[in-house]
Amino acid sequence: MATVKGGFSGIIRQAQKMQQQIGRVQDELAGRIVEASSGGGRVTAYVNGRQELINLKIDPEVIDPSDPSMLEDLVLAAVGQAIKNSQDMVSEEVNKVTGGINIPGLI
C-alpha cells in the first residue's frame, strides 16, 4: 500500500488541490457548448458545460398546430441528448484531473 507524504494532512492537501483543479475545469467547460438534434436535425438543442440549455432551434416546418405532441417529443429528445452530451464532456474532463477516481463530494 502506498503512503502519502505528510499522512492525513497530505491527503487533505491533495484533495484540496484536486478540487481547485476541478473548479477551474468546470469554469472552462461553462463556456463550451455541445449540441444534439432530433427529427433529422429539425430540432437542435445547445447546452453548456453547466448543463444549462442556452439555445434551441426549431425548423418552422416541424411546427404542426394539430400535433403539438410531436414537437414536444422532438424537443425533449434533443434537449435530453444535449444534456447527456454535456455531462459526458464534463465527466471526461474531470476524469483527466482525478485520474478516474470517484471521490464523493469532490465535484
Protein backbone atom coordinates (compact mmCIF):
# COMPACT_ATOMS: atom_id res chain seq x y z
CA MET A 1 0.00 0.00 0.00
CA ALA A 2 1.41 3.38 -1.00
CA THR A 3 1.89 6.03 1.63
CA VAL A 4 1.14 9.67 1.08
CA LYS A 5 3.79 12.17 2.07
CA GLY A 6 2.52 14.11 5.05
CA GLY A 7 0.00 11.45 6.11
CA PHE A 8 -3.60 12.52 6.52
CA SER A 9 -2.82 16.21 6.11
CA GLY A 10 -1.07 15.36 2.83
CA ILE A 11 -4.19 13.62 1.61
CA ILE A 12 -6.29 16.65 2.54
CA ARG A 13 -3.90 18.98 0.66
CA GLN A 14 -4.01 16.74 -2.41
CA ALA A 15 -7.81 16.65 -2.30
CA GLN A 16 -7.98 20.43 -1.97
CA LYS A 17 -5.60 20.86 -4.90
CA MET A 18 -7.67 18.43 -6.97
CA GLN A 19 -10.85 20.31 -6.05
CA GLN A 20 -9.28 23.59 -7.21
CA GLN A 21 -8.27 21.98 -10.50
CA ILE A 22 -11.79 20.62 -10.96
CA GLY A 23 -13.20 24.10 -10.25
CA ARG A 24 -11.01 25.54 -13.00
CA VAL A 25 -12.12 22.80 -15.39
CA GLN A 26 -15.78 23.44 -14.57
CA ASP A 27 -15.34 27.17 -15.16
CA GLU A 28 -13.71 26.46 -18.52
CA LEU A 29 -16.43 24.00 -19.50
CA ALA A 30 -19.15 26.55 -18.74
CA GLY A 31 -18.05 28.29 -21.94
CA ARG A 32 -18.06 25.14 -24.04
CA ILE A 33 -21.21 24.21 -25.90
CA VAL A 34 -22.46 20.84 -27.07
CA GLU A 35 -25.45 20.20 -29.25
CA ALA A 36 -27.84 17.43 -30.15
CA SER A 37 -30.56 17.18 -32.75
CA SER A 38 -33.72 15.19 -33.26
CA GLY A 39 -36.17 14.79 -36.09
CA GLY A 40 -33.42 14.65 -38.68
CA GLY A 41 -31.96 17.95 -37.49
CA ARG A 42 -35.27 19.77 -37.31
CA VAL A 43 -34.84 20.46 -33.59
CA THR A 44 -31.41 21.27 -32.21
CA ALA A 45 -30.60 21.94 -28.55
CA TYR A 46 -27.44 23.69 -27.35
CA VAL A 47 -26.23 23.07 -23.79
CA ASN A 48 -23.17 24.43 -22.00
CA GLY A 49 -20.83 22.64 -19.61
CA ARG A 50 -23.07 23.54 -16.68
CA GLN A 51 -25.92 21.55 -18.29
CA GLU A 52 -27.81 24.77 -18.99
CA LEU A 53 -29.92 24.93 -22.13
CA ILE A 54 -28.63 28.04 -23.86
CA ASN A 55 -30.32 27.83 -27.25
CA LEU A 56 -32.97 25.86 -29.06
CA LYS A 57 -33.55 25.92 -32.81
CA ILE A 58 -36.77 24.62 -34.30
CA ASP A 59 -37.36 24.30 -38.02
CA PRO A 60 -40.71 26.04 -38.70
CA GLU A 61 -41.76 23.12 -40.92
CA VAL A 62 -41.92 20.85 -37.87
CA ILE A 63 -44.46 23.08 -36.12
CA ASP A 64 -47.85 21.50 -36.67
CA PRO A 65 -50.60 23.10 -34.56
CA SER A 66 -52.71 19.97 -34.94
CA ASP A 67 -49.95 17.76 -33.44
CA PRO A 68 -48.13 19.59 -30.63
CA SER A 69 -47.05 16.33 -29.00
CA MET A 70 -44.74 15.54 -31.94
CA LEU A 71 -42.86 18.82 -31.42
CA GLU A 72 -42.79 18.24 -27.67
CA ASP A 73 -41.22 14.81 -28.22
CA LEU A 74 -38.61 16.23 -30.59
CA VAL A 75 -37.69 18.99 -28.15
CA LEU A 76 -37.43 16.56 -25.22
CA ALA A 77 -35.25 14.19 -27.26
CA ALA A 78 -32.88 16.93 -28.43
CA VAL A 79 -32.59 18.58 -25.01
CA GLY A 80 -32.14 15.27 -23.20
CA GLN A 81 -29.37 14.17 -25.55
CA ALA A 82 -27.63 17.56 -25.40
CA ILE A 83 -27.63 17.42 -21.58
CA LYS A 84 -26.21 13.89 -21.69
CA ASN A 85 -23.52 15.04 -24.13
CA SER A 86 -22.65 17.88 -21.76
CA GLN A 87 -22.48 15.54 -18.76
CA ASP A 88 -20.22 13.19 -20.72
CA MET A 89 -17.95 16.09 -21.68
CA VAL A 90 -17.69 17.24 -18.05
CA SER A 91 -17.08 13.72 -16.79
CA GLU A 92 -14.33 13.16 -19.34
CA GLU A 93 -12.55 16.39 -18.40
CA VAL A 94 -12.90 15.81 -14.64
CA ASN A 95 -11.55 12.27 -15.06
CA LYS A 96 -8.41 13.79 -16.59
CA VAL A 97 -7.87 15.70 -13.34
CA THR A 98 -8.80 12.89 -10.94
CA GLY A 99 -7.28 10.04 -12.90
CA GLY A 100 -10.71 8.40 -12.98
CA ILE A 101 -11.01 8.27 -9.21
CA ASN A 102 -14.54 8.97 -7.99
CA ILE A 103 -14.30 10.97 -4.77
CA PRO A 104 -17.77 11.68 -3.31
CA GLY A 105 -18.32 15.34 -2.57
CA LEU A 106 -15.31 16.49 -4.61
CA ILE A 107 -17.40 17.78 -7.51
